[in-house]
Amino acid sequence: MDRDEEFARFVDERWPVLVRSAVLLGCARPEAEDLVQTALVRCYVNWEKVSRAGSRDGYVYRVLVNCHHDSYRRRWWRERPTEHLPETSADDVTGQVDDADAVRRALRRLSPAHREVVVLRYYAHLGEQQIAEALGIAPGTVKSRLSRAFAQLSTDLDVSELRGGRAS
């Protein structure tokens, strides 16, 4: 299989998970697709290096997270968020909040560093070592961030609603 075929096959297999991971990192769907395209273009240029990497998925996720950081920095510089954001969406007002919305809101309240490790561990199913390589941090830091993220999530009201209103 040549380089182009190998890359096309990888993209076909991983596209939905990569886009969903970008959404969970905090991007809107169209922005997530653009972000994944940008990350994949960067990976394609260095595909031989990516193919030789210990974890191809880990390498691609590292590029994706770096692209997300770059995008966030550019957006932050251009846009200044308002002081007070509404806490509820139209779905909240009507009482039609589904579990996915509650999880997204809870993830948004995590710091970017904590959100990244949670998304890579439990959505992308990367191991702690792969996450460490993808983010350029020590495995112990991955464990620490996961622990702190779960501590924060355990007190989150949206998450406690998913468990039938019982906060742990």
C-alpha atoms as a PDB file:
ATOM      1  CA  MET A   1       0.000   0.000   0.000  1.00  0.00           C
ATOM      2  CA  ASP A   2       1.458   3.373  -0.967  1.00  0.00           C
ATOM      3  CA  ARG A   3       1.569   6.496   1.184  1.00  0.00           C
ATOM      4  CA  ASP A   4      -1.578   8.105  -0.254  1.00  0.00           C
ATOM      5  CA  GLU A   5      -3.652   4.944   0.102  1.00  0.00           C
ATOM      6  CA  GLU A   6      -2.419   4.386   3.644  1.00  0.00           C
ATOM      7  CA  PHE A   7      -3.240   7.975   4.605  1.00  0.00           C
ATOM      8  CA  ALA A   8      -6.675   7.851   2.937  1.00  0.00           C
ATOM      9  CA  ARG A   9      -7.497   4.638   4.776  1.00  0.00           C
ATOM     10  CA  PHE A  10      -6.401   6.152   8.095  1.00  0.00           C
ATOM     11  CA  VAL A  11      -8.541   9.252   7.499  1.00  0.00           C
ATOM     12  CA  ASP A  12     -11.585   7.163   6.525  1.00  0.00           C
ATOM     13  CA  GLU A  13     -11.281   5.108   9.707  1.00  0.00           C
ATOM     14  CA  ARG A  14     -10.494   7.926  12.141  1.00  0.00           C
ATOM     15  CA  TRP A  15     -12.395  10.959  10.766  1.00  0.00           C
ATOM     16  CA  PRO A  16     -15.576  10.630  12.895  1.00  0.00           C
ATOM     17  CA  VAL A  17     -13.637  10.071  16.128  1.00  0.00           C
ATOM     18  CA  LEU A  18     -11.241  12.935  15.409  1.00  0.00           C
ATOM     19  CA  VAL A  19     -14.098  15.351  14.668  1.00  0.00           C
ATOM     20  CA  ARG A  20     -15.993  14.271  17.769  1.00  0.00           C
ATOM     21  CA  SER A  21     -12.838  14.684  19.844  1.00  0.00           C
ATOM     22  CA  ALA A  22     -12.442  18.235  18.526  1.00  0.00           C
ATOM     23  CA  VAL A  23     -16.084  18.950  19.431  1.00  0.00           C
ATOM     24  CA  LEU A  24     -15.475  17.636  22.937  1.00  0.00           C
ATOM     25  CA  LEU A  25     -12.395  19.850  23.205  1.00  0.00           C
ATOM     26  CA  GLY A  26     -14.774  22.784  22.789  1.00  0.00           C
ATOM     27  CA  CYS A  27     -15.183  23.435  19.063  1.00  0.00           C
ATOM     28  CA  ALA A  28     -18.461  23.876  17.194  1.00  0.00           C
ATOM     29  CA  ARG A  29     -19.006  21.137  14.584  1.00  0.00           C
ATOM     30  CA  PRO A  30     -17.902  23.188  11.524  1.00  0.00           C
ATOM     31  CA  GLU A  31     -14.871  24.492  13.420  1.00  0.00           C
ATOM     32  CA  ALA A  32     -14.072  20.937  14.547  1.00  0.00           C
ATOM     33  CA  GLU A  33     -14.078  19.695  10.950  1.00  0.00           C
ATOM     34  CA  ASP A  34     -11.774  22.548   9.903  1.00  0.00           C
ATOM     35  CA  LEU A  35      -9.500  21.808  12.845  1.00  0.00           C
ATOM     36  CA  VAL A  36      -9.279  18.108  11.962  1.00  0.00           C
ATOM     37  CA  GLN A  37      -8.562  18.965   8.315  1.00  0.00           C
ATOM     38  CA  THR A  38      -5.748  21.288   9.376  1.00  0.00           C
ATOM     39  CA  ALA A  39      -4.296  18.641  11.687  1.00  0.00           C
ATOM     40  CA  LEU A  40      -4.511  15.955   9.008  1.00  0.00           C
ATOM     41  CA  VAL A  41      -2.815  18.194   6.431  1.00  0.00           C
ATOM     42  CA  ARG A  42       0.066  18.690   8.871  1.00  0.00           C
ATOM     43  CA  CYS A  43       0.215  14.932   9.434  1.00  0.00           C
ATOM     44  CA  TYR A  44       0.080  14.142   5.710  1.00  0.00           C
ATOM     45  CA  VAL A  45       3.103  16.335   5.030  1.00  0.00           C
ATOM     46  CA  ASN A  46       5.049  14.244   7.565  1.00  0.00           C
ATOM     47  CA  TRP A  47       3.248  10.930   7.020  1.00  0.00           C
ATOM     48  CA  GLU A  48       6.450   8.853   6.943  1.00  0.00           C
ATOM     49  CA  LYS A  49       7.377  10.265  10.359  1.00  0.00           C
ATOM     50  CA  VAL A  50       3.824   9.686  11.626  1.00  0.00           C
ATOM     51  CA  SER A  51       3.902   6.103  10.346  1.00  0.00           C
ATOM     52  CA  ARG A  52       7.181   5.461  12.177  1.00  0.00           C
ATOM     53  CA  ALA A  53       5.865   6.941  15.439  1.00  0.00           C
ATOM     54  CA  GLY A  54       5.250   4.502  18.274  1.00  0.00           C
ATOM     55  CA  SER A  55       1.588   5.458  18.303  1.00  0.00           C
ATOM     56  CA  ARG A  56       0.143   6.857  15.103  1.00  0.00           C
ATOM     57  CA  ASP A  57      -3.060   7.858  16.917  1.00  0.00           C
ATOM     58  CA  GLY A  58      -1.074   9.528  19.670  1.00  0.00           C
ATOM     59  CA  TYR A  59       0.892  11.548  17.118  1.00  0.00           C
ATOM     60  CA  VAL A  60      -2.254  12.633  15.267  1.00  0.00           C
ATOM     61  CA  TYR A  61      -3.985  13.601  18.516  1.00  0.00           C
ATOM     62  CA  ARG A  62      -0.953  15.637  19.534  1.00  0.00           C
ATOM     63  CA  VAL A  63      -1.162  17.556  16.262  1.00  0.00           C
ATOM     64  CA  LEU A  64      -4.933  17.957  16.741  1.00  0.00           C
ATOM     65  CA  VAL A  65      -4.503  19.338  20.273  1.00  0.00           C
ATOM     66  CA  ASN A  66      -1.731  21.678  19.092  1.00  0.00           C
ATOM     67  CA  CYS A  67      -3.971  22.935  16.272  1.00  0.00           C
ATOM     68  CA  HIS A  68      -6.740  23.466  18.827  1.00  0.00           C
ATOM     69  CA  HIS A  69      -4.358  25.507  21.006  1.00  0.00           C
ATOM     70  CA  ASP A  70      -3.311  27.584  17.978  1.00  0.00           C
ATOM     71  CA  SER A  71      -6.942  28.159  17.011  1.00  0.00           C
ATOM     72  CA  TYR A  72      -7.862  29.136  20.558  1.00  0.00           C
ATOM     73  CA  ARG A  73      -4.989  31.619  20.753  1.00  0.00           C
ATOM     74  CA  ARG A  74      -5.944  33.241  17.439  1.00  0.00           C
ATOM     75  CA  ARG A  75      -9.609  33.414  18.427  1.00  0.00           C
ATOM     76  CA  TRP A  76      -8.776  34.812  21.865  1.00  0.00           C
ATOM     77  CA  TRP A  77      -6.702  37.550  20.310  1.00  0.00           C
ATOM     78  CA  ARG A  78      -9.500  38.569  17.901  1.00  0.00           C
ATOM     79  CA  GLU A  79     -12.499  38.058  20.174  1.00  0.00           C
ATOM     80  CA  ARG A  80     -12.946  39.178  23.729  1.00  0.00           C
ATOM     81  CA  PRO A  81     -15.622  37.194  25.568  1.00  0.00           C
ATOM     82  CA  THR A  82     -18.371  39.032  27.387  1.00  0.00           C
ATOM     83  CA  GLU A  83     -18.162  39.327  31.141  1.00  0.00           C
ATOM     84  CA  HIS A  84     -21.300  37.276  31.835  1.00  0.00           C
ATOM     85  CA  LEU A  85     -22.467  34.389  29.694  1.00  0.00           C
ATOM     86  CA  PRO A  86     -25.934  32.868  29.994  1.00  0.00           C
ATOM     87  CA  GLU A  87     -25.921  29.704  32.063  1.00  0.00           C
ATOM     88  CA  THR A  88     -28.853  28.069  30.298  1.00  0.00           C
ATOM     89  CA  SER A  89     -29.696  27.177  26.737  1.00  0.00           C
ATOM     90  CA  ALA A  90     -33.134  27.038  25.150  1.00  0.00           C
ATOM     91  CA  ASP A  91     -33.199  23.313  25.929  1.00  0.00           C
ATOM     92  CA  ASP A  92     -32.609  24.068  29.618  1.00  0.00           C
ATOM     93  CA  VAL A  93     -35.585  26.431  29.694  1.00  0.00           C
ATOM     94  CA  THR A  94     -37.919  23.776  28.340  1.00  0.00           C
ATOM     95  CA  GLY A  95     -36.456  21.044  30.500  1.00  0.00           C
ATOM     96  CA  GLN A  96     -35.360  18.957  27.514  1.00  0.00           C
ATOM     97  CA  VAL A  97     -31.688  18.635  28.382  1.00  0.00           C
ATOM     98  CA  ASP A  98     -30.241  15.345  27.251  1.00  0.00           C
ATOM     99  CA  ASP A  99     -27.234  13.569  28.704  1.00  0.00           C
ATOM    100  CA  ALA A 100     -24.915  14.646  25.882  1.00  0.00           C
ATOM    101  CA  ASP A 101     -25.609  18.330  26.546  1.00  0.00           C
ATOM    102  CA  ALA A 102     -24.955  17.866  30.254  1.00  0.00           C
ATOM    103  CA  VAL A 103     -21.641  16.148  29.557  1.00  0.00           C
ATOM    104  CA  ARG A 104     -20.603  18.865  27.076  1.00  0.00           C
ATOM    105  CA  ARG A 105     -21.387  21.594  29.587  1.00  0.00           C
ATOM    106  CA  ALA A 106     -19.458  19.778  32.306  1.00  0.00           C
ATOM    107  CA  LEU A 107     -16.466  19.322  29.980  1.00  0.00           C
ATOM    108  CA  ARG A 108     -16.535  23.025  29.067  1.00  0.00           C
ATOM    109  CA  ARG A 109     -16.178  23.920  32.734  1.00  0.00           C
ATOM    110  CA  LEU A 110     -12.953  21.927  33.022  1.00  0.00           C
ATOM    111  CA  SER A 111      -9.688  23.705  32.319  1.00  0.00           C
ATOM    112  CA  PRO A 112      -8.362  23.036  28.800  1.00  0.00           C
ATOM    113  CA  ALA A 113      -5.588  20.814  30.218  1.00  0.00           C
ATOM    114  CA  HIS A 114      -8.061  18.688  32.179  1.00  0.00           C
ATOM    115  CA  ARG A 115     -10.543  18.546  29.286  1.00  0.00           C
ATOM    116  CA  GLU A 116      -7.813  17.328  26.925  1.00  0.00           C
ATOM    117  CA  VAL A 117      -6.803  14.365  29.082  1.00  0.00           C
ATOM    118  CA  VAL A 118     -10.434  13.355  29.730  1.00  0.00           C
ATOM    119  CA  VAL A 119     -11.315  13.504  26.016  1.00  0.00           C
ATOM    120  CA  LEU A 120      -8.184  11.645  24.926  1.00  0.00           C
ATOM    121  CA  ARG A 121      -8.586   8.973  27.620  1.00  0.00           C
ATOM    122  CA  TYR A 122     -12.298   8.290  27.576  1.00  0.00           C
ATOM    123  CA  TYR A 123     -13.397   9.323  24.114  1.00  0.00           C
ATOM    124  CA  ALA A 124     -10.332   8.636  21.977  1.00  0.00           C
ATOM    125  CA  HIS A 125      -9.459   5.615  24.179  1.00  0.00           C
ATOM    126  CA  LEU A 126      -5.765   6.450  24.345  1.00  0.00           C
ATOM    127  CA  GLY A 127      -3.723   4.975  27.171  1.00  0.00           C
ATOM    128  CA  GLU A 128      -1.943   7.136  29.721  1.00  0.00           C
ATOM    129  CA  GLN A 129       1.404   6.722  27.954  1.00  0.00           C
ATOM    130  CA  GLN A 130      -0.121   7.659  24.576  1.00  0.00           C
ATOM    131  CA  ILE A 131      -1.766  10.729  26.110  1.00  0.00           C
ATOM    132  CA  ALA A 132       1.546  11.723  27.688  1.00  0.00           C
ATOM    133  CA  GLU A 133       3.264  11.444  24.302  1.00  0.00           C
ATOM    134  CA  ALA A 134       0.433  13.260  22.511  1.00  0.00           C
ATOM    135  CA  LEU A 135       0.490  16.188  24.927  1.00  0.00           C
ATOM    136  CA  GLY A 136       4.223  16.196  25.607  1.00  0.00           C
ATOM    137  CA  ILE A 137       3.796  15.683  29.356  1.00  0.00           C
ATOM    138  CA  ALA A 138       4.820  13.024  31.868  1.00  0.00           C
ATOM    139  CA  PRO A 139       2.517  10.013  32.487  1.00  0.00           C
ATOM    140  CA  GLY A 140       2.264  11.086  36.125  1.00  0.00           C
ATOM    141  CA  THR A 141       0.919  14.452  34.973  1.00  0.00           C
ATOM    142  CA  VAL A 142      -1.729  12.641  32.932  1.00  0.00           C
ATOM    143  CA  LYS A 143      -2.808  10.702  36.028  1.00  0.00           C
ATOM    144  CA  SER A 144      -2.842  13.852  38.137  1.00  0.00           C
ATOM    145  CA  ARG A 145      -4.916  15.789  35.593  1.00  0.00           C
ATOM    146  CA  LEU A 146      -7.377  12.913  35.250  1.00  0.00           C
ATOM    147  CA  SER A 147      -7.742  12.716  39.017  1.00  0.00           C
ATOM    148  CA  ARG A 148      -8.344  16.451  39.350  1.00  0.00           C
ATOM    149  CA  ALA A 149     -10.771  16.456  36.432  1.00  0.00           C
ATOM    150  CA  PHE A 150     -12.806  13.671  38.031  1.00  0.00           C
ATOM    151  CA  ALA A 151     -12.782  15.471  41.360  1.00  0.00           C
ATOM    152  CA  GLN A 152     -14.239  18.525  39.639  1.00  0.00           C
ATOM    153  CA  LEU A 153     -16.724  16.468  37.612  1.00  0.00           C
ATOM    154  CA  SER A 154     -17.917  14.656  40.739  1.00  0.00           C
ATOM    155  CA  THR A 155     -19.133  17.961  42.183  1.00  0.00           C
ATOM    156  CA  ASP A 156     -20.606  19.219  38.901  1.00  0.00           C
ATOM    157  CA  LEU A 157     -24.385  19.633  39.059  1.00  0.00           C
ATOM    158  CA  ASP A 158     -24.901  18.588  35.427  1.00  0.00           C
ATOM    159  CA  VAL A 159     -23.016  15.339  36.035  1.00  0.00           C
ATOM    160  CA  SER A 160     -24.907  14.652  39.262  1.00  0.00           C
ATOM    161  CA  GLU A 161     -28.142  15.023  37.260  1.00  0.00           C
ATOM    162  CA  LEU A 162     -26.949  12.156  35.049  1.00  0.00           C
ATOM    163  CA  ARG A 163     -26.624   9.996  38.154  1.00  0.00           C
ATOM    164  CA  GLY A 164     -30.176  10.699  39.225  1.00  0.00           C
ATOM    165  CA  GLY A 165     -29.356  13.737  41.333  1.00  0.00           C
ATOM    166  CA  ARG A 166     -26.972  11.936  43.690  1.00  0.00           C
ATOM    167  CA  ALA A 167     -23.691  13.771  43.994  1.00  0.00           C
ATOM    168  CA  SER A 168     -20.877  11.540  45.192  1.00  0.00           C
END
